[in-house]
Amino acid sequence: MKNAFLQGKNIVVTILFYLFSYIATFLPLIVLDFPFWLTLIIIVIVTSFAGFLPVDLALLGLWVWAFIVALNGPQDIFAILTYIFFGIKVLLFLISIVSELMSKKET
């Protein structure tokens, strides 16, 4: 019973992770209001080369741009979601930098 519960928990965490990943990919594109063809190209590139450093840095740049646009634009649900997910992205970025620095300090 306990194993079934833990496996169920892992499935929920996995689903939440993928949901967050897709929202993190699409939300800046919605806020920036790119044309459909450009949005499609960006989505294909981001999903095809996920984890590749230049693509991740470009996506982080899109997040910063979308955050600035959301601050200056109308305050709707997309702007609020942009603030929340931008904060999460920045927090995760800072945690990864600190953990990398701490691991180099130990060696």
Protein backbone atom coordinates (compact mmCIF):
# COMPACT_ATOMS: atom_id res chain seq x y z
CA MET A 1 0.00 0.00 0.00
CA LYS A 2 2.77 2.42 0.92
CA ASN A 3 4.65 1.74 -2.33
CA ALA A 4 1.49 2.39 -4.36
CA PHE A 5 1.01 5.68 -2.52
CA LEU A 6 4.62 6.75 -3.10
CA GLN A 7 4.40 5.83 -6.78
CA GLY A 8 1.20 7.85 -7.02
CA LYS A 9 3.00 10.79 -5.42
CA ASN A 10 5.81 10.53 -7.94
CA ILE A 11 3.33 10.58 -10.79
CA VAL A 12 1.73 13.74 -9.41
CA VAL A 13 5.13 15.40 -9.01
CA THR A 14 6.08 14.38 -12.55
CA ILE A 15 2.83 15.78 -13.94
CA LEU A 16 3.34 19.03 -12.03
CA PHE A 17 6.91 19.26 -13.29
CA TYR A 18 5.83 18.88 -16.93
CA LEU A 19 2.95 21.30 -16.42
CA PHE A 20 5.35 23.88 -14.99
CA SER A 21 7.76 23.27 -17.89
CA TYR A 22 5.10 23.85 -20.52
CA ILE A 23 3.78 26.95 -18.79
CA ALA A 24 7.34 28.22 -18.44
CA THR A 25 7.79 27.78 -22.19
CA PHE A 26 4.51 29.27 -23.40
CA LEU A 27 3.79 32.08 -20.93
CA PRO A 28 6.48 34.53 -22.09
CA LEU A 29 5.36 34.00 -25.67
CA ILE A 30 1.76 34.80 -24.74
CA VAL A 31 2.76 37.97 -22.88
CA LEU A 32 5.09 39.14 -25.66
CA ASP A 33 2.34 38.55 -28.24
CA PHE A 34 4.59 37.21 -30.99
CA PRO A 35 3.11 36.20 -34.35
CA PHE A 36 1.99 32.59 -34.59
CA TRP A 37 4.83 31.49 -36.88
CA LEU A 38 7.50 32.92 -34.57
CA THR A 39 5.84 31.37 -31.52
CA LEU A 40 5.79 28.00 -33.28
CA ILE A 41 9.47 28.25 -34.21
CA ILE A 42 10.46 29.18 -30.65
CA ILE A 43 8.41 26.32 -29.20
CA VAL A 44 10.00 23.80 -31.57
CA ILE A 45 13.51 25.05 -30.77
CA VAL A 46 12.95 25.12 -27.00
CA THR A 47 11.38 21.66 -26.86
CA SER A 48 13.94 20.14 -29.24
CA PHE A 49 17.01 21.54 -27.53
CA ALA A 50 15.89 21.65 -23.89
CA GLY A 51 18.86 21.68 -21.55
CA PHE A 52 21.20 23.16 -24.16
CA LEU A 53 22.79 26.21 -22.53
CA PRO A 54 22.27 28.81 -25.33
CA VAL A 55 18.59 27.84 -25.61
CA ASP A 56 18.14 28.04 -21.84
CA LEU A 57 19.80 31.46 -21.73
CA ALA A 58 17.63 32.68 -24.59
CA LEU A 59 14.52 31.44 -22.76
CA LEU A 60 15.70 33.26 -19.62
CA GLY A 61 16.10 36.39 -21.76
CA LEU A 62 12.53 35.94 -23.02
CA TRP A 63 11.37 35.70 -19.41
CA VAL A 64 13.09 38.98 -18.49
CA TRP A 65 11.60 40.66 -21.55
CA ALA A 66 8.14 39.26 -20.78
CA PHE A 67 8.44 40.43 -17.17
CA ILE A 68 9.21 43.99 -18.29
CA VAL A 69 6.35 43.93 -20.80
CA ALA A 70 3.98 42.58 -18.14
CA LEU A 71 4.96 45.37 -15.74
CA ASN A 72 4.17 48.00 -18.37
CA GLY A 73 1.07 46.33 -19.79
CA PRO A 74 -2.44 45.64 -18.52
CA GLN A 75 -2.59 43.70 -15.27
CA ASP A 76 -4.49 40.57 -16.25
CA ILE A 77 -4.13 36.88 -15.36
CA PHE A 78 -1.20 36.46 -17.76
CA ALA A 79 0.68 39.31 -16.08
CA ILE A 80 0.09 37.83 -12.64
CA LEU A 81 1.21 34.38 -13.81
CA THR A 82 4.27 36.00 -15.38
CA TYR A 83 5.22 37.57 -12.04
CA ILE A 84 4.79 34.28 -10.20
CA PHE A 85 6.65 32.14 -12.72
CA PHE A 86 9.38 34.76 -13.20
CA GLY A 87 9.98 34.70 -9.44
CA ILE A 88 10.17 30.91 -9.49
CA LYS A 89 12.56 30.93 -12.46
CA VAL A 90 14.84 33.50 -10.81
CA LEU A 91 14.77 31.60 -7.52
CA LEU A 92 15.66 28.31 -9.25
CA PHE A 93 18.42 30.07 -11.19
CA LEU A 94 19.90 31.53 -8.00
CA ILE A 95 19.69 28.18 -6.21
CA SER A 96 21.54 26.46 -9.05
CA ILE A 97 24.27 29.12 -9.01
CA VAL A 98 24.70 28.91 -5.23
CA SER A 99 24.80 25.11 -5.27
CA GLU A 100 27.40 25.19 -8.05
CA LEU A 101 29.53 27.66 -6.10
CA MET A 102 29.19 25.62 -2.92
CA SER A 103 30.24 22.42 -4.71
CA LYS A 104 33.35 24.15 -6.11
CA LYS A 105 34.17 25.52 -2.68
CA GLU A 106 34.16 22.01 -1.15
CA THR A 107 36.65 20.62 -3.66
